[in-house]
Amino acid sequence: MTTIVVLFNLKPGVNETDYQQWARETDLPTAGGLPSVDSFEILQSQGLLMSEDKPPYDYIEILKINDMDQFGKDVSSETMQKVAGEFQSFADNPLFIMTSKL
């Protein structure tokens, strides 16, 4: 199983409330409902452990993918292309990191 971790901040000028509403109403149910996705969650950074510094990223997405070939097909759909475009309008240079368990 592949886990995709997405690290990002919102673009300057993006309203955080607008992003969070879109994430709850559109991104989570749409991407989380793909056949290739076992689970999808979006986390908001709260701080750095034992530090007063600001975390480098405000949001972290974690997607558990059961089949990467199917995931490629799923994200190619018209619906997911629309969702991906909307995500890009909110997220400032997101990093998509593919991971696997040791």
Protein backbone atom coordinates (compact mmCIF):
# COMPACT_ATOMS: atom_id res chain seq x y z
CA MET A 1 0.00 0.00 0.00
CA THR A 2 1.18 3.49 -0.85
CA THR A 3 0.52 6.46 1.40
CA ILE A 4 0.58 9.88 -0.21
CA VAL A 5 1.39 12.76 2.12
CA VAL A 6 0.62 16.24 0.84
CA LEU A 7 2.17 19.24 2.59
CA PHE A 8 0.93 22.72 1.79
CA ASN A 9 0.08 26.24 2.84
CA LEU A 10 -2.74 28.29 1.41
CA LYS A 11 -1.94 30.81 -1.29
CA PRO A 12 -1.74 34.44 -0.18
CA GLY A 13 -5.19 35.97 -0.15
CA VAL A 14 -7.05 32.64 0.16
CA ASN A 15 -9.68 32.75 2.88
CA GLU A 16 -9.04 29.88 5.31
CA THR A 17 -12.76 29.45 6.01
CA ASP A 18 -13.49 29.12 2.28
CA TYR A 19 -10.76 26.49 1.90
CA GLN A 20 -11.94 24.49 4.91
CA GLN A 21 -15.55 24.52 3.72
CA TRP A 22 -14.47 23.35 0.26
CA ALA A 23 -12.25 20.65 1.80
CA ARG A 24 -15.11 19.29 3.95
CA GLU A 25 -17.82 19.52 1.31
CA THR A 26 -15.89 18.65 -1.87
CA ASP A 27 -12.36 17.34 -1.45
CA LEU A 28 -12.82 14.86 1.40
CA PRO A 29 -15.97 13.15 0.07
CA THR A 30 -14.86 13.13 -3.58
CA ALA A 31 -11.23 12.00 -3.23
CA GLY A 32 -12.05 9.87 -0.19
CA GLY A 33 -14.74 8.07 -2.18
CA LEU A 34 -12.44 6.91 -4.98
CA PRO A 35 -12.18 3.10 -5.31
CA SER A 36 -8.39 3.31 -5.01
CA VAL A 37 -8.46 5.32 -1.78
CA ASP A 38 -8.84 3.40 1.49
CA SER A 39 -8.73 6.54 3.62
CA PHE A 40 -8.21 10.27 3.24
CA GLU A 41 -7.80 12.85 5.94
CA ILE A 42 -6.79 16.49 6.09
CA LEU A 43 -4.95 17.72 9.15
CA GLN A 44 -4.35 21.32 10.19
CA SER A 45 -1.03 22.07 11.90
CA GLN A 46 -1.34 23.24 15.49
CA GLY A 47 2.31 23.88 16.32
CA LEU A 48 5.71 22.28 16.72
CA LEU A 49 6.34 20.06 19.71
CA MET A 50 8.32 21.87 22.41
CA SER A 51 8.82 24.93 20.21
CA GLU A 52 7.28 28.33 19.70
CA ASP A 53 8.20 28.28 15.99
CA LYS A 54 5.48 28.19 13.37
CA PRO A 55 5.15 24.85 11.53
CA PRO A 56 6.49 25.02 7.96
CA TYR A 57 3.16 23.77 6.58
CA ASP A 58 -0.37 24.66 7.67
CA TYR A 59 -2.06 21.58 6.21
CA ILE A 60 -1.22 17.92 5.73
CA GLU A 61 -3.25 15.48 3.66
CA ILE A 62 -2.82 11.74 4.11
CA LEU A 63 -4.19 9.39 1.46
CA LYS A 64 -3.94 5.59 1.82
CA ILE A 65 -3.92 4.16 -1.70
CA ASN A 66 -4.77 0.49 -2.23
CA ASP A 67 -3.89 0.39 -5.96
CA MET A 68 -1.70 3.01 -7.63
CA ASP A 69 -2.70 1.95 -11.16
CA GLN A 70 -6.36 2.40 -10.27
CA PHE A 71 -5.53 5.67 -8.51
CA GLY A 72 -4.05 6.97 -11.77
CA LYS A 73 -7.30 6.12 -13.55
CA ASP A 74 -9.42 7.57 -10.74
CA VAL A 75 -7.68 10.93 -10.71
CA SER A 76 -7.96 11.17 -14.50
CA SER A 77 -11.75 11.39 -14.30
CA GLU A 78 -13.45 14.65 -15.21
CA THR A 79 -14.74 15.06 -11.65
CA MET A 80 -11.30 14.61 -10.09
CA GLN A 81 -9.70 16.92 -12.62
CA LYS A 82 -12.17 19.60 -11.53
CA VAL A 83 -11.43 18.93 -7.84
CA ALA A 84 -7.66 18.99 -8.52
CA GLY A 85 -8.01 22.34 -10.28
CA GLU A 86 -9.94 23.75 -7.35
CA PHE A 87 -7.30 22.42 -4.93
CA GLN A 88 -4.57 24.14 -6.96
CA SER A 89 -6.45 27.43 -6.62
CA PHE A 90 -6.18 27.13 -2.82
CA ALA A 91 -2.80 25.44 -2.26
CA ASP A 92 0.53 27.21 -2.64
CA ASN A 93 3.12 24.83 -4.14
CA PRO A 94 1.87 21.60 -2.53
CA LEU A 95 4.35 18.76 -2.07
CA PHE A 96 3.03 15.28 -2.92
CA ILE A 97 5.20 12.66 -1.22
CA MET A 98 4.70 8.98 -2.00
CA THR A 99 5.60 6.74 0.95
CA SER A 100 5.58 3.09 1.97
CA LYS A 101 5.89 1.37 5.32
CA LEU A 102 9.27 0.05 6.39
